[in-house]
Protein backbone atom coordinates (compact mmCIF):
# COMPACT_ATOMS: atom_id res chain seq x y z
CA UNK A 1 -198.45 10.05 -21.26
CA UNK A 2 -199.44 12.87 -18.92
CA UNK A 3 -200.95 12.28 -15.51
CA UNK A 4 -204.55 13.32 -14.87
CA UNK A 5 -205.20 16.79 -13.51
CA UNK A 6 -205.57 16.57 -9.73
CA UNK A 7 -208.88 17.54 -8.15
CA UNK A 8 -209.53 20.40 -5.77
CA UNK A 9 -212.10 19.56 -3.13
CA UNK A 10 -213.49 22.57 -1.29
CA UNK A 11 -214.86 21.24 1.99
CA UNK A 12 -216.99 23.80 3.79
CA UNK A 13 -219.29 23.99 6.78
CA UNK A 14 -219.80 25.72 10.07
CA UNK A 15 -217.93 25.02 13.27
CA UNK A 16 -218.71 21.51 14.50
CA UNK A 17 -219.84 20.13 11.15
CA UNK A 18 -216.89 17.71 10.91
CA UNK A 19 -214.79 19.54 8.30
CA UNK A 20 -211.35 18.96 9.76
CA UNK A 21 -211.80 15.27 10.54
CA UNK A 22 -213.43 14.52 7.19
CA UNK A 23 -210.84 16.55 5.25
CA UNK A 24 -207.97 14.68 6.91
CA UNK A 25 -209.55 11.28 6.16
CA UNK A 26 -210.47 12.33 2.64
CA UNK A 27 -206.92 13.47 1.85
CA UNK A 28 -205.63 10.13 3.14
CA UNK A 29 -207.85 8.38 0.56
CA UNK A 30 -206.35 10.34 -2.35
CA UNK A 31 -202.96 9.31 -3.74
CA UNK A 32 -200.58 12.16 -2.79
CA UNK A 33 -203.56 13.91 -1.14
CA UNK A 34 -203.03 17.17 0.74
CA UNK A 35 -205.26 18.45 3.54
CA UNK A 36 -205.00 22.23 3.54
CA UNK A 37 -206.65 23.80 6.60
CA UNK A 38 -207.60 27.38 5.85
CA UNK A 39 -207.74 28.01 9.60
CA UNK A 40 -203.95 27.74 9.72
CA UNK A 41 -203.69 31.00 7.77
CA UNK A 42 -205.47 32.79 10.61
CA UNK A 43 -202.57 31.88 12.93
CA UNK A 44 -200.30 34.09 10.79
CA UNK A 45 -202.06 37.30 11.85
CA UNK A 46 -200.34 38.96 14.82
CA UNK A 47 -203.41 41.07 15.60
CA UNK A 48 -206.27 38.75 14.69
CA UNK A 49 -209.92 39.69 14.74
CA UNK A 50 -212.28 36.83 15.61
CA UNK A 51 -213.35 35.67 12.13
CA UNK A 52 -217.08 35.52 12.94
CA UNK A 53 -217.22 39.27 13.65
CA UNK A 54 -218.22 41.72 10.87
CA UNK A 55 -215.02 43.77 11.33
CA UNK A 56 -212.97 40.69 10.35
CA UNK A 57 -214.03 40.84 6.68
CA UNK A 58 -210.71 42.22 5.37
CA UNK A 59 -208.74 39.66 7.38
CA UNK A 60 -211.05 36.82 6.31
CA UNK A 61 -210.73 37.75 2.65
CA UNK A 62 -206.93 37.83 2.95
CA UNK A 63 -206.89 34.44 4.69
CA UNK A 64 -209.16 32.83 2.09
CA UNK A 65 -207.13 34.32 -0.77
CA UNK A 66 -203.89 32.99 0.78
CA UNK A 67 -205.39 29.52 1.28
CA UNK A 68 -206.61 29.47 -2.34
CA UNK A 69 -203.19 30.49 -3.62
CA UNK A 70 -201.53 27.76 -1.55
CA UNK A 71 -203.99 25.24 -2.95
CA UNK A 72 -203.27 26.44 -6.48
CA UNK A 73 -199.51 26.02 -5.98
CA UNK A 74 -200.01 22.43 -4.81
CA UNK A 75 -202.50 21.60 -7.57
CA UNK A 76 -200.17 22.91 -10.27
CA UNK A 77 -197.51 20.53 -8.96
CA UNK A 78 -199.83 17.55 -9.27
CA UNK A 79 -201.19 17.21 -5.73
CA UNK A 80 -204.90 16.64 -5.11
CA UNK A 81 -206.00 19.17 -2.48
CA UNK A 82 -208.75 19.12 0.09
CA UNK A 83 -209.11 22.80 1.04
CA UNK A 84 -211.12 22.90 4.23
CA UNK A 85 -212.66 25.88 5.99
CA UNK A 86 -215.65 28.12 6.45
CA UNK A 87 -216.03 28.60 2.72
CA UNK A 88 -219.72 29.35 2.51
CA UNK A 89 -221.35 30.30 -0.79
CA UNK A 90 -220.95 33.99 0.10
CA UNK A 91 -217.15 33.69 -0.30
CA UNK A 92 -217.26 31.83 -3.60
CA UNK A 93 -216.82 34.99 -5.69
CA UNK A 94 -213.48 35.52 -3.93
CA UNK A 95 -212.53 31.84 -4.32
CA UNK A 96 -213.50 32.01 -7.99
CA UNK A 97 -211.28 35.07 -8.54
CA UNK A 98 -208.31 33.54 -6.70
CA UNK A 99 -208.54 30.26 -8.62
CA UNK A 100 -209.02 31.95 -12.01
CA UNK A 101 -207.12 30.07 -14.65
CA UNK A 102 -207.37 26.68 -12.89
CA UNK A 103 -208.94 24.32 -15.40
CA UNK A 104 -208.89 21.18 -13.29
CA UNK A 105 -211.86 19.65 -11.51
CA UNK A 106 -213.30 21.48 -8.52
CA UNK A 107 -215.73 19.79 -6.15
CA UNK A 108 -217.62 21.90 -3.60
CA UNK A 109 -219.04 20.08 -0.57
CA UNK A 110 -220.79 21.65 2.40
CA UNK A 111 -220.99 19.66 5.62
CA UNK A 112 -223.90 20.45 7.90
CA UNK A 113 -225.22 19.23 11.21
CA UNK A 114 -227.86 20.41 13.66
CA UNK A 115 -227.12 23.33 15.96
CA UNK A 116 -227.28 21.05 19.03
CA UNK A 117 -224.91 18.50 17.49
CA UNK A 118 -222.48 21.25 16.47
CA UNK A 119 -222.49 22.55 20.05
CA UNK A 120 -221.95 19.04 21.43
CA UNK A 121 -218.98 18.41 19.12
CA UNK A 122 -217.35 21.78 19.73
CA UNK A 123 -217.83 21.53 23.51
CA UNK A 124 -216.32 18.02 23.52
CA UNK A 125 -213.07 19.33 22.04
CA UNK A 126 -212.93 22.95 23.28
CA UNK A 127 -215.40 23.43 26.12
CA UNK A 128 -218.26 25.95 26.08
CA UNK A 129 -216.07 28.93 25.14
CA UNK A 130 -217.07 28.77 21.47
CA UNK A 131 -220.85 28.58 21.97
CA UNK A 132 -221.31 32.16 20.70
CA UNK A 133 -219.27 31.41 17.58
CA UNK A 134 -221.37 28.32 16.84
CA UNK A 135 -224.53 30.38 17.39
CA UNK A 136 -223.29 33.06 14.96
CA UNK A 137 -222.02 30.72 12.24
CA UNK A 138 -224.52 27.88 12.22
CA UNK A 139 -227.47 29.82 10.71
CA UNK A 140 -225.29 30.92 7.78
CA UNK A 141 -225.30 27.31 6.54
CA UNK A 142 -229.02 26.59 6.99
CA UNK A 143 -230.71 27.92 3.83
CA UNK A 144 -228.33 27.81 0.89
CA UNK A 145 -230.69 27.98 -2.06
CA UNK A 146 -229.21 26.40 -5.17
CA UNK A 147 -226.18 25.25 -3.15
CA UNK A 148 -228.32 22.82 -1.12
CA UNK A 149 -227.40 20.08 -3.60
CA UNK A 150 -223.82 20.33 -2.29
CA UNK A 151 -224.82 19.60 1.33
CA UNK A 152 -224.02 16.43 3.25
CA UNK A 153 -225.79 16.13 6.61
CA UNK A 154 -223.22 14.77 9.07
CA UNK A 155 -225.48 14.68 12.13
CA UNK A 156 -225.97 10.91 12.38
CA UNK A 157 -222.96 9.75 10.34
CA UNK A 158 -219.48 8.66 11.32
CA UNK A 159 -216.62 10.58 9.74
CA UNK A 160 -215.84 7.50 7.64
CA UNK A 161 -219.42 7.38 6.35
CA UNK A 162 -219.22 11.07 5.42
CA UNK A 163 -215.98 10.42 3.54
CA UNK A 164 -217.72 7.60 1.67
CA UNK A 165 -220.57 9.92 0.68
CA UNK A 166 -218.17 12.65 -0.41
CA UNK A 167 -216.07 10.24 -2.49
CA UNK A 168 -219.22 8.75 -4.02
CA UNK A 169 -220.42 12.23 -4.90
CA UNK A 170 -217.07 13.06 -6.48
CA UNK A 171 -217.20 9.94 -8.62
CA UNK A 172 -220.81 10.74 -9.56
CA UNK A 173 -219.83 14.36 -10.25
CA UNK A 174 -222.49 15.50 -7.75
CA UNK A 175 -220.30 18.20 -6.23
CA UNK A 176 -218.76 19.69 -9.38
CA UNK A 177 -218.46 23.46 -9.40
CA UNK A 178 -217.28 24.98 -12.66
CA UNK A 179 -215.17 28.00 -11.84
CA UNK A 180 -216.13 29.69 -15.09
CA UNK A 181 -219.87 29.47 -14.38
CA UNK A 182 -221.72 32.52 -13.14
CA UNK A 183 -222.58 32.36 -9.47
CA UNK A 184 -226.22 32.51 -8.36
CA UNK A 185 -227.24 35.95 -7.07
CA UNK A 186 -228.02 34.40 -3.68
CA UNK A 187 -224.31 34.23 -2.81
CA UNK A 188 -223.75 37.96 -3.13
CA UNK A 189 -222.46 39.49 0.10
CA UNK A 190 -221.87 37.98 3.50
CA UNK A 191 -224.98 36.78 5.33
């Protein structure tokens, strides 16, 4: 008897939305779960460009492609993966291309909070130095068109409550994204 195909959970959101905490807790809930932080790939670059700047596009695409390939290697070896990062709908064409051939379940979840709450969370862990990054990234996750059904508002929830909602949505197949499906035109290009 073969074991079930492990799921890939793409956990997205802007800075301060709770991605890292929720991804870690979520992976702990999955037997053999792996939390893959796409941000780690950015530490490999010896001459990094801040990812929120337009001139970082080539670097960002390389980092996302590398994270997807790492996820694919783990999935093919039977590990459920929570791939966490700033994986907004505008990068899904790249994710789709990198994961081509993966037939297992993919769940796409976008965490979102208010701008003020994102600032509060980021300042609590890093100080005010990232205020400009929050200001640049936060609006990109505000109006997502057909992807709104994949959003979980984390503003007033504990990380554990968010994990409960995400797991419930996975069981209910609320977050399913079929890699073979055409992407809505709204995700073309970077906002």
